[in-house]
Amino acid sequence: MKVGKTLLALLMAAGTGATLAPAIASADIYVRVGPPPPRYEVVPVQPGWVWVPGYWNWNGHRYIWVNGHRVHARHGRHWIPDRWTEDHGRWHREHGHWDRD
């Protein structure tokens, strides 16, 4: 039954401007419409904390803004922010993550 619901959700997303990546198992979503420009955010500076910038998320129908927030800094690592990349007219969100310095 869960597979049927997942398939239905994927088919609904495909009809709203999103197309599925070749590997469904990875759950990557490609969107035919690029995201709006990022919103301006006031970035608080506080020792021991890192600012994770806000980003546009795709909810299956439209872009939704996710506010930025602070997280504890990780020694020897830096935050790579979420970003959207375009490839042949399709947009894909690369999730933010920690990377080694």
PDB file of N, CA and C in Angstrom:
ATOM      1  N   MET A   1       0.829  -1.192   0.000  1.00  0.00           N
ATOM      2  CA  MET A   1       0.000   0.000   0.000  1.00  0.00           C
ATOM      3  C   MET A   1       0.873   1.256   0.000  1.00  0.00           C
ATOM      4  N   LYS A   2       2.005   1.244   0.731  1.00  0.00           N
ATOM      5  CA  LYS A   2       2.877   2.406   0.795  1.00  0.00           C
ATOM      6  C   LYS A   2       3.443   2.749  -0.584  1.00  0.00           C
ATOM      7  N   VAL A   3       3.778   1.740  -1.377  1.00  0.00           N
ATOM      8  CA  VAL A   3       4.300   1.965  -2.719  1.00  0.00           C
ATOM      9  C   VAL A   3       3.266   2.681  -3.570  1.00  0.00           C
ATOM     10  N   GLY A   4       2.001   2.314  -3.457  1.00  0.00           N
ATOM     11  CA  GLY A   4       0.939   2.962  -4.217  1.00  0.00           C
ATOM     12  C   GLY A   4       0.805   4.435  -3.870  1.00  0.00           C
ATOM     13  N   LYS A   5       0.891   4.771  -2.594  1.00  0.00           N
ATOM     14  CA  LYS A   5       0.807   6.171  -2.175  1.00  0.00           C
ATOM     15  C   LYS A   5       2.010   6.951  -2.666  1.00  0.00           C
ATOM     16  N   THR A   6       3.190   6.344  -2.602  1.00  0.00           N
ATOM     17  CA  THR A   6       4.400   7.009  -3.081  1.00  0.00           C
ATOM     18  C   THR A   6       4.309   7.264  -4.575  1.00  0.00           C
ATOM     19  N   LEU A   7       3.858   6.269  -5.329  1.00  0.00           N
ATOM     20  CA  LEU A   7       3.714   6.431  -6.764  1.00  0.00           C
ATOM     21  C   LEU A   7       2.710   7.524  -7.088  1.00  0.00           C
ATOM     22  N   LEU A   8       1.598   7.563  -6.375  1.00  0.00           N
ATOM     23  CA  LEU A   8       0.602   8.597  -6.593  1.00  0.00           C
ATOM     24  C   LEU A   8       1.192   9.977  -6.325  1.00  0.00           C
ATOM     25  N   ALA A   9       1.957  10.128  -5.247  1.00  0.00           N
ATOM     26  CA  ALA A   9       2.576  11.420  -4.925  1.00  0.00           C
ATOM     27  C   ALA A   9       3.563  11.828  -6.013  1.00  0.00           C
ATOM     28  N   LEU A  10       4.332  10.877  -6.526  1.00  0.00           N
ATOM     29  CA  LEU A  10       5.294  11.179  -7.586  1.00  0.00           C
ATOM     30  C   LEU A  10       4.588  11.582  -8.878  1.00  0.00           C
ATOM     31  N   LEU A  11       3.509  10.914  -9.208  1.00  0.00           N
ATOM     32  CA  LEU A  11       2.758  11.270 -10.412  1.00  0.00           C
ATOM     33  C   LEU A  11       2.130  12.644 -10.277  1.00  0.00           C
ATOM     34  N   MET A  12       1.646  12.978  -9.091  1.00  0.00           N
ATOM     35  CA  MET A  12       1.065  14.303  -8.870  1.00  0.00           C
ATOM     36  C   MET A  12       2.135  15.370  -9.011  1.00  0.00           C
ATOM     37  N   ALA A  13       3.333  15.114  -8.484  1.00  0.00           N
ATOM     38  CA  ALA A  13       4.426  16.081  -8.590  1.00  0.00           C
ATOM     39  C   ALA A  13       4.820  16.272 -10.049  1.00  0.00           C
ATOM     40  N   ALA A  14       4.829  15.207 -10.823  1.00  0.00           N
ATOM     41  CA  ALA A  14       5.213  15.297 -12.230  1.00  0.00           C
ATOM     42  C   ALA A  14       4.234  16.172 -13.011  1.00  0.00           C
ATOM     43  N   GLY A  15       2.998  16.215 -12.614  1.00  0.00           N
ATOM     44  CA  GLY A  15       2.007  17.020 -13.313  1.00  0.00           C
ATOM     45  C   GLY A  15       2.040  18.486 -12.927  1.00  0.00           C
ATOM     46  N   THR A  16       2.888  18.886 -11.982  1.00  0.00           N
ATOM     47  CA  THR A  16       2.911  20.279 -11.523  1.00  0.00           C
ATOM     48  C   THR A  16       4.193  20.992 -11.895  1.00  0.00           C
ATOM     49  N   GLY A  17       4.931  20.491 -12.880  1.00  0.00           N
ATOM     50  CA  GLY A  17       6.151  21.164 -13.292  1.00  0.00           C
ATOM     51  C   GLY A  17       7.396  20.494 -12.770  1.00  0.00           C
ATOM     52  N   ALA A  18       7.270  19.486 -11.964  1.00  0.00           N
ATOM     53  CA  ALA A  18       8.429  18.752 -11.469  1.00  0.00           C
ATOM     54  C   ALA A  18       8.551  17.472 -12.277  1.00  0.00           C
ATOM     55  N   THR A  19       9.783  17.057 -12.499  1.00  0.00           N
ATOM     56  CA  THR A  19      10.008  15.775 -13.149  1.00  0.00           C
ATOM     57  C   THR A  19      10.902  14.955 -12.258  1.00  0.00           C
ATOM     58  N   LEU A  20      10.828  13.664 -12.389  1.00  0.00           N
ATOM     59  CA  LEU A  20      11.604  12.787 -11.527  1.00  0.00           C
ATOM     60  C   LEU A  20      12.992  12.581 -12.092  1.00  0.00           C
ATOM     61  N   ALA A  21      13.943  12.448 -11.197  1.00  0.00           N
ATOM     62  CA  ALA A  21      15.297  12.108 -11.607  1.00  0.00           C
ATOM     63  C   ALA A  21      15.295  10.676 -12.102  1.00  0.00           C
ATOM     64  N   PRO A  22      16.307  10.291 -12.898  1.00  0.00           N
ATOM     65  CA  PRO A  22      16.346   8.918 -13.398  1.00  0.00           C
ATOM     66  C   PRO A  22      16.312   7.866 -12.297  1.00  0.00           C
ATOM     67  N   ALA A  23      16.927   8.132 -11.148  1.00  0.00           N
ATOM     68  CA  ALA A  23      16.945   7.154 -10.060  1.00  0.00           C
ATOM     69  C   ALA A  23      15.916   7.563  -9.020  1.00  0.00           C
ATOM     70  N   ILE A  24      14.754   6.925  -9.025  1.00  0.00           N
ATOM     71  CA  ILE A  24      13.695   7.270  -8.084  1.00  0.00           C
ATOM     72  C   ILE A  24      14.130   7.006  -6.653  1.00  0.00           C
ATOM     73  N   ALA A  25      14.979   6.027  -6.432  1.00  0.00           N
ATOM     74  CA  ALA A  25      15.397   5.671  -5.078  1.00  0.00           C
ATOM     75  C   ALA A  25      16.105   6.820  -4.371  1.00  0.00           C
ATOM     76  N   SER A  26      16.760   7.710  -5.124  1.00  0.00           N
ATOM     77  CA  SER A  26      17.485   8.815  -4.497  1.00  0.00           C
ATOM     78  C   SER A  26      16.542   9.927  -4.053  1.00  0.00           C
ATOM     79  N   ALA A  27      15.307   9.925  -4.537  1.00  0.00           N
ATOM     80  CA  ALA A  27      14.281  10.905  -4.178  1.00  0.00           C
ATOM     81  C   ALA A  27      14.666  12.317  -4.574  1.00  0.00           C
ATOM     82  N   ASP A  28      15.536  12.481  -5.563  1.00  0.00           N
ATOM     83  CA  ASP A  28      15.859  13.806  -6.076  1.00  0.00           C
ATOM     84  C   ASP A  28      14.678  14.321  -6.881  1.00  0.00           C
ATOM     85  N   ILE A  29      14.392  15.590  -6.740  1.00  0.00           N
ATOM     86  CA  ILE A  29      13.308  16.211  -7.482  1.00  0.00           C
ATOM     87  C   ILE A  29      13.910  17.283  -8.386  1.00  0.00           C
ATOM     88  N   TYR A  30      13.473  17.300  -9.619  1.00  0.00           N
ATOM     89  CA  TYR A  30      13.874  18.325 -10.569  1.00  0.00           C
ATOM     90  C   TYR A  30      12.657  19.170 -10.885  1.00  0.00           C
ATOM     91  N   VAL A  31      12.850  20.480 -10.968  1.00  0.00           N
ATOM     92  CA  VAL A  31      11.762  21.424 -11.174  1.00  0.00           C
ATOM     93  C   VAL A  31      12.055  22.212 -12.444  1.00  0.00           C
ATOM     94  N   ARG A  32      11.047  22.468 -13.239  1.00  0.00           N
ATOM     95  CA  ARG A  32      11.229  23.192 -14.501  1.00  0.00           C
ATOM     96  C   ARG A  32      11.269  24.703 -14.329  1.00  0.00           C
ATOM     97  N   VAL A  33      10.895  25.188 -13.151  1.00  0.00           N
ATOM     98  CA  VAL A  33      10.866  26.622 -12.879  1.00  0.00           C
ATOM     99  C   VAL A  33      11.934  26.935 -11.845  1.00  0.00           C
ATOM    100  N   GLY A  34      12.793  27.918 -12.149  1.00  0.00           N
ATOM    101  CA  GLY A  34      13.854  28.277 -11.213  1.00  0.00           C
ATOM    102  C   GLY A  34      13.309  28.948  -9.963  1.00  0.00           C
ATOM    103  N   PRO A  35      14.079  28.903  -8.874  1.00  0.00           N
ATOM    104  CA  PRO A  35      13.630  29.518  -7.625  1.00  0.00           C
ATOM    105  C   PRO A  35      13.701  31.037  -7.691  1.00  0.00           C
ATOM    106  N   PRO A  36      12.907  31.714  -6.859  1.00  0.00           N
ATOM    107  CA  PRO A  36      13.021  33.174  -6.748  1.00  0.00           C
ATOM    108  C   PRO A  36      14.381  33.546  -6.173  1.00  0.00           C
ATOM    109  N   PRO A  37      14.739  34.830  -6.229  1.00  0.00           N
ATOM    110  CA  PRO A  37      16.003  35.241  -5.610  1.00  0.00           C
ATOM    111  C   PRO A  37      15.967  35.002  -4.102  1.00  0.00           C
ATOM    112  N   PRO A  38      17.126  34.754  -3.493  1.00  0.00           N
ATOM    113  CA  PRO A  38      17.146  34.562  -2.035  1.00  0.00           C
ATOM    114  C   PRO A  38      16.634  35.809  -1.321  1.00  0.00           C
ATOM    115  N   ARG A  39      16.055  35.612  -0.168  1.00  0.00           N
ATOM    116  CA  ARG A  39      15.593  36.731   0.660  1.00  0.00           C
ATOM    117  C   ARG A  39      16.758  37.261   1.486  1.00  0.00           C
ATOM    118  N   TYR A  40      16.686  38.544   1.789  1.00  0.00           N
ATOM    119  CA  TYR A  40      17.702  39.151   2.645  1.00  0.00           C
ATOM    120  C   TYR A  40      17.447  38.714   4.085  1.00  0.00           C
ATOM    121  N   GLU A  41      18.514  38.318   4.773  1.00  0.00           N
ATOM    122  CA  GLU A  41      18.403  37.909   6.173  1.00  0.00           C
ATOM    123  C   GLU A  41      19.466  38.643   6.988  1.00  0.00           C
ATOM    124  N   VAL A  42      19.093  39.081   8.169  1.00  0.00           N
ATOM    125  CA  VAL A  42      20.062  39.645   9.103  1.00  0.00           C
ATOM    126  C   VAL A  42      20.778  38.472   9.753  1.00  0.00           C
ATOM    127  N   VAL A  43      22.101  38.487   9.633  1.00  0.00           N
ATOM    128  CA  VAL A  43      22.896  37.360  10.137  1.00  0.00           C
ATOM    129  C   VAL A  43      23.496  37.745  11.492  1.00  0.00           C
ATOM    130  N   PRO A  44      23.032  37.121  12.573  1.00  0.00           N
ATOM    131  CA  PRO A  44      23.611  37.413  13.886  1.00  0.00           C
ATOM    132  C   PRO A  44      24.993  36.760  14.010  1.00  0.00           C
ATOM    133  N   VAL A  45      25.918  37.503  14.604  1.00  0.00           N
ATOM    134  CA  VAL A  45      27.265  36.974  14.817  1.00  0.00           C
ATOM    135  C   VAL A  45      27.388  36.601  16.284  1.00  0.00           C
ATOM    136  N   GLN A  46      27.740  35.352  16.526  1.00  0.00           N
ATOM    137  CA  GLN A  46      27.903  34.889  17.899  1.00  0.00           C
ATOM    138  C   GLN A  46      28.995  33.820  17.903  1.00  0.00           C
ATOM    139  N   PRO A  47      30.025  34.008  18.726  1.00  0.00           N
ATOM    140  CA  PRO A  47      31.109  33.023  18.777  1.00  0.00           C
ATOM    141  C   PRO A  47      30.581  31.620  19.094  1.00  0.00           C
ATOM    142  N   GLY A  48      31.141  30.631  18.385  1.00  0.00           N
ATOM    143  CA  GLY A  48      30.743  29.251  18.615  1.00  0.00           C
ATOM    144  C   GLY A  48      29.530  28.811  17.811  1.00  0.00           C
ATOM    145  N   TRP A  49      28.972  29.721  17.016  1.00  0.00           N
ATOM    146  CA  TRP A  49      27.791  29.407  16.211  1.00  0.00           C
ATOM    147  C   TRP A  49      28.071  29.716  14.748  1.00  0.00           C
ATOM    148  N   VAL A  50      27.361  29.020  13.859  1.00  0.00           N
ATOM    149  CA  VAL A  50      27.453  29.232  12.415  1.00  0.00           C
ATOM    150  C   VAL A  50      26.052  29.529  11.900  1.00  0.00           C
ATOM    151  N   TRP A  51      25.954  30.467  10.969  1.00  0.00           N
ATOM    152  CA  TRP A  51      24.667  30.787  10.369  1.00  0.00           C
ATOM    153  C   TRP A  51      24.424  29.875   9.170  1.00  0.00           C
ATOM    154  N   VAL A  52      23.293  29.169   9.178  1.00  0.00           N
ATOM    155  CA  VAL A  52      22.855  28.356   8.045  1.00  0.00           C
ATOM    156  C   VAL A  52      21.851  29.219   7.292  1.00  0.00           C
ATOM    157  N   PRO A  53      22.211  29.725   6.103  1.00  0.00           N
ATOM    158  CA  PRO A  53      21.318  30.646   5.403  1.00  0.00           C
ATOM    159  C   PRO A  53      19.993  30.001   5.000  1.00  0.00           C
ATOM    160  N   GLY A  54      18.982  30.846   4.869  1.00  0.00           N
ATOM    161  CA  GLY A  54      17.696  30.382   4.381  1.00  0.00           C
ATOM    162  C   GLY A  54      17.794  29.975   2.917  1.00  0.00           C
ATOM    163  N   TYR A  55      16.779  29.260   2.443  1.00  0.00           N
ATOM    164  CA  TYR A  55      16.781  28.786   1.060  1.00  0.00           C
ATOM    165  C   TYR A  55      15.342  28.535   0.615  1.00  0.00           C
ATOM    166  N   TRP A  56      15.164  28.420  -0.689  1.00  0.00           N
ATOM    167  CA  TRP A  56      13.859  28.082  -1.250  1.00  0.00           C
ATOM    168  C   TRP A  56      13.757  26.567  -1.361  1.00  0.00           C
ATOM    169  N   ASN A  57      12.682  26.009  -0.819  1.00  0.00           N
ATOM    170  CA  ASN A  57      12.414  24.583  -0.892  1.00  0.00           C
ATOM    171  C   ASN A  57      11.211  24.364  -1.814  1.00  0.00           C
ATOM    172  N   TRP A  58      11.197  23.280  -2.557  1.00  0.00           N
ATOM    173  CA  TRP A  58      10.075  22.934  -3.436  1.00  0.00           C
ATOM    174  C   TRP A  58       9.152  21.982  -2.688  1.00  0.00           C
ATOM    175  N   ASN A  59       7.860  22.329  -2.599  1.00  0.00           N
ATOM    176  CA  ASN A  59       6.926  21.482  -1.852  1.00  0.00           C
ATOM    177  C   ASN A  59       6.063  20.605  -2.768  1.00  0.00           C
ATOM    178  N   GLY A  60       6.381  20.535  -4.044  1.00  0.00           N
ATOM    179  CA  GLY A  60       5.609  19.752  -4.997  1.00  0.00           C
ATOM    180  C   GLY A  60       4.703  20.601  -5.851  1.00  0.00           C
ATOM    181  N   HIS A  61       4.453  21.846  -5.401  1.00  0.00           N
ATOM    182  CA  HIS A  61       3.575  22.757  -6.135  1.00  0.00           C
ATOM    183  C   HIS A  61       4.205  24.122  -6.349  1.00  0.00           C
ATOM    184  N   ARG A  62       5.010  24.547  -5.390  1.00  0.00           N
ATOM    185  CA  ARG A  62       5.608  25.887  -5.465  1.00  0.00           C
ATOM    186  C   ARG A  62       6.804  25.952  -4.518  1.00  0.00           C
ATOM    187  N   TYR A  63       7.561  27.045  -4.628  1.00  0.00           N
ATOM    188  CA  TYR A  63       8.688  27.261  -3.731  1.00  0.00           C
ATOM    189  C   TYR A  63       8.204  27.845  -2.403  1.00  0.00           C
ATOM    190  N   ILE A  64       8.779  27.364  -1.327  1.00  0.00           N
ATOM    191  CA  ILE A  64       8.483  27.832   0.027  1.00  0.00           C
ATOM    192  C   ILE A  64       9.808  28.255   0.660  1.00  0.00           C
ATOM    193  N   TRP A  65       9.843  29.449   1.249  1.00  0.00           N
ATOM    194  CA  TRP A  65      11.058  29.934   1.892  1.00  0.00           C
ATOM    195  C   TRP A  65      11.260  29.246   3.239  1.00  0.00           C
ATOM    196  N   VAL A  66      12.475  28.767   3.481  1.00  0.00           N
ATOM    197  CA  VAL A  66      12.874  28.183   4.764  1.00  0.00           C
ATOM    198  C   VAL A  66      13.846  29.167   5.394  1.00  0.00           C
ATOM    199  N   ASN A  67      13.491  29.712   6.559  1.00  0.00           N
ATOM    200  CA  ASN A  67      14.332  30.718   7.215  1.00  0.00           C
ATOM    201  C   ASN A  67      15.680  30.151   7.635  1.00  0.00           C
ATOM    202  N   GLY A  68      16.691  31.017   7.605  1.00  0.00           N
ATOM    203  CA  GLY A  68      18.000  30.641   8.105  1.00  0.00           C
ATOM    204  C   GLY A  68      17.973  30.500   9.616  1.00  0.00           C
ATOM    205  N   HIS A  69      19.012  29.863  10.157  1.00  0.00           N
ATOM    206  CA  HIS A  69      19.076  29.664  11.605  1.00  0.00           C
ATOM    207  C   HIS A  69      20.527  29.400  12.026  1.00  0.00           C
ATOM    208  N   ARG A  70      20.772  29.503  13.321  1.00  0.00           N
ATOM    209  CA  ARG A  70      22.107  29.233  13.857  1.00  0.00           C
ATOM    210  C   ARG A  70      22.234  27.772  14.254  1.00  0.00           C
ATOM    211  N   VAL A  71      23.455  27.254  14.088  1.00  0.00           N
ATOM    212  CA  VAL A  71      23.785  25.911  14.574  1.00  0.00           C
ATOM    213  C   VAL A  71      25.149  25.989  15.250  1.00  0.00           C
ATOM    214  N   HIS A  72      25.401  25.073  16.158  1.00  0.00           N
ATOM    215  CA  HIS A  72      26.703  25.033  16.816  1.00  0.00           C
ATOM    216  C   HIS A  72      27.785  24.772  15.775  1.00  0.00           C
ATOM    217  N   ALA A  73      28.864  25.536  15.875  1.00  0.00           N
ATOM    218  CA  ALA A  73      30.003  25.334  14.974  1.00  0.00           C
ATOM    219  C   ALA A  73      30.613  23.959  15.221  1.00  0.00           C
ATOM    220  N   ARG A  74      31.188  23.391  14.188  1.00  0.00           N
ATOM    221  CA  ARG A  74      31.862  22.096  14.288  1.00  0.00           C
ATOM    222  C   ARG A  74      33.338  22.315  13.993  1.00  0.00           C
ATOM    223  N   HIS A  75      34.176  21.950  14.928  1.00  0.00           N
ATOM    224  CA  HIS A  75      35.621  22.148  14.775  1.00  0.00           C
ATOM    225  C   HIS A  75      36.126  21.427  13.521  1.00  0.00           C
ATOM    226  N   GLY A  76      36.869  22.157  12.691  1.00  0.00           N
ATOM    227  CA  GLY A  76      37.446  21.566  11.490  1.00  0.00           C
ATOM    228  C   GLY A  76      36.476  21.407  10.336  1.00  0.00           C
ATOM    229  N   ARG A  77      35.278  22.015  10.462  1.00  0.00           N
ATOM    230  CA  ARG A  77      34.275  21.902   9.400  1.00  0.00           C
ATOM    231  C   ARG A  77      33.641  23.260   9.127  1.00  0.00           C
ATOM    232  N   HIS A  78      33.108  23.420   7.934  1.00  0.00           N
ATOM    233  CA  HIS A  78      32.368  24.624   7.561  1.00  0.00           C
ATOM    234  C   HIS A  78      31.090  24.207   6.845  1.00  0.00           C
ATOM    235  N   TRP A  79      30.099  25.082   6.884  1.00  0.00           N
ATOM    236  CA  TRP A  79      28.792  24.788   6.312  1.00  0.00           C
ATOM    237  C   TRP A  79      28.757  25.168   4.830  1.00  0.00           C
ATOM    238  N   ILE A  80      28.319  24.251   3.991  1.00  0.00           N
ATOM    239  CA  ILE A  80      28.057  24.517   2.573  1.00  0.00           C
ATOM    240  C   ILE A  80      26.545  24.719   2.458  1.00  0.00           C
ATOM    241  N   PRO A  81      26.095  25.940   2.075  1.00  0.00           N
ATOM    242  CA  PRO A  81      24.649  26.216   2.059  1.00  0.00           C
ATOM    243  C   PRO A  81      23.883  25.450   0.976  1.00  0.00           C
ATOM    244  N   ASP A  82      22.579  25.310   1.199  1.00  0.00           N
ATOM    245  CA  ASP A  82      21.687  24.770   0.179  1.00  0.00           C
ATOM    246  C   ASP A  82      21.785  25.671  -1.046  1.00  0.00           C
ATOM    247  N   ARG A  83      21.621  25.067  -2.225  1.00  0.00           N
ATOM    248  CA  ARG A  83      21.601  25.878  -3.444  1.00  0.00           C
ATOM    249  C   ARG A  83      20.873  25.114  -4.544  1.00  0.00           C
ATOM    250  N   TRP A  84      20.364  25.879  -5.499  1.00  0.00           N
ATOM    251  CA  TRP A  84      19.695  25.305  -6.664  1.00  0.00           C
ATOM    252  C   TRP A  84      20.631  25.426  -7.853  1.00  0.00           C
ATOM    253  N   THR A  85      20.761  24.345  -8.621  1.00  0.00           N
ATOM    254  CA  THR A  85      21.571  24.363  -9.835  1.00  0.00           C
ATOM    255  C   THR A  85      20.672  24.027 -11.019  1.00  0.00           C
ATOM    256  N   GLU A  86      20.971  24.640 -12.150  1.00  0.00           N
ATOM    257  CA  GLU A  86      20.182  24.440 -13.360  1.00  0.00           C
ATOM    258  C   GLU A  86      20.955  23.544 -14.323  1.00  0.00           C
ATOM    259  N   ASP A  87      20.262  22.596 -14.923  1.00  0.00           N
ATOM    260  CA  ASP A  87      20.864  21.696 -15.898  1.00  0.00           C
ATOM    261  C   ASP A  87      19.853  21.437 -17.013  1.00  0.00           C
ATOM    262  N   HIS A  88      20.093  22.007 -18.184  1.00  0.00           N
ATOM    263  CA  HIS A  88      19.222  21.832 -19.344  1.00  0.00           C
ATOM    264  C   HIS A  88      17.770  22.187 -19.040  1.00  0.00           C
ATOM    265  N   GLY A  89      17.572  23.323 -18.384  1.00  0.00           N
ATOM    266  CA  GLY A  89      16.226  23.798 -18.101  1.00  0.00           C
ATOM    267  C   GLY A  89      15.531  23.153 -16.924  1.00  0.00           C
ATOM    268  N   ARG A  90      16.249  22.331 -16.171  1.00  0.00           N
ATOM    269  CA  ARG A  90      15.675  21.692 -14.980  1.00  0.00           C
ATOM    270  C   ARG A  90      16.502  22.123 -13.769  1.00  0.00           C
ATOM    271  N   TRP A  91      15.823  22.416 -12.680  1.00  0.00           N
ATOM    272  CA  TRP A  91      16.474  22.887 -11.456  1.00  0.00           C
ATOM    273  C   TRP A  91      16.485  21.782 -10.416  1.00  0.00           C
ATOM    274  N   HIS A  92      17.613  21.660  -9.724  1.00  0.00           N
ATOM    275  CA  HIS A  92      17.800  20.618  -8.710  1.00  0.00           C
ATOM    276  C   HIS A  92      18.398  21.263  -7.461  1.00  0.00           C
ATOM    277  N   ARG A  93      17.831  20.945  -6.301  1.00  0.00           N
ATOM    278  CA  ARG A  93      18.345  21.490  -5.041  1.00  0.00           C
ATOM    279  C   ARG A  93      19.450  20.601  -4.502  1.00  0.00           C
ATOM    280  N   GLU A  94      20.592  21.227  -4.244  1.00  0.00           N
ATOM    281  CA  GLU A  94      21.699  20.555  -3.571  1.00  0.00           C
ATOM    282  C   GLU A  94      21.587  20.921  -2.094  1.00  0.00           C
ATOM    283  N   HIS A  95      21.405  19.925  -1.252  1.00  0.00           N
ATOM    284  CA  HIS A  95      21.178  20.142   0.171  1.00  0.00           C
ATOM    285  C   HIS A  95      22.436  20.662   0.860  1.00  0.00           C
ATOM    286  N   GLY A  96      22.233  21.553   1.833  1.00  0.00           N
ATOM    287  CA  GLY A  96      23.348  22.046   2.631  1.00  0.00           C
ATOM    288  C   GLY A  96      23.954  20.920   3.463  1.00  0.00           C
ATOM    289  N   HIS A  97      25.233  21.072   3.756  1.00  0.00           N
ATOM    290  CA  HIS A  97      25.925  20.025   4.511  1.00  0.00           C
ATOM    291  C   HIS A  97      27.232  20.558   5.081  1.00  0.00           C
ATOM    292  N   TRP A  98      27.759  19.826   6.028  1.00  0.00           N
ATOM    293  CA  TRP A  98      29.058  20.155   6.602  1.00  0.00           C
ATOM    294  C   TRP A  98      30.155  19.556   5.717  1.00  0.00           C
ATOM    295  N   ASP A  99      31.268  20.305   5.598  1.00  0.00           N
ATOM    296  CA  ASP A  99      32.418  19.825   4.830  1.00  0.00           C
ATOM    297  C   ASP A  99      33.676  20.106   5.658  1.00  0.00           C
ATOM    298  N   ARG A 100      34.701  19.325   5.418  1.00  0.00           N
ATOM    299  CA  ARG A 100      35.966  19.523   6.140  1.00  0.00           C
ATOM    300  C   ARG A 100      36.656  20.802   5.675  1.00  0.00           C
ATOM    301  N   ASP A 101      37.321  21.475   6.611  1.00  0.00           N
ATOM    302  CA  ASP A 101      38.090  22.686   6.280  1.00  0.00           C
ATOM    303  C   ASP A 101      39.309  22.333   5.442  1.00  0.00           C
TER     304      ASP A 101
END
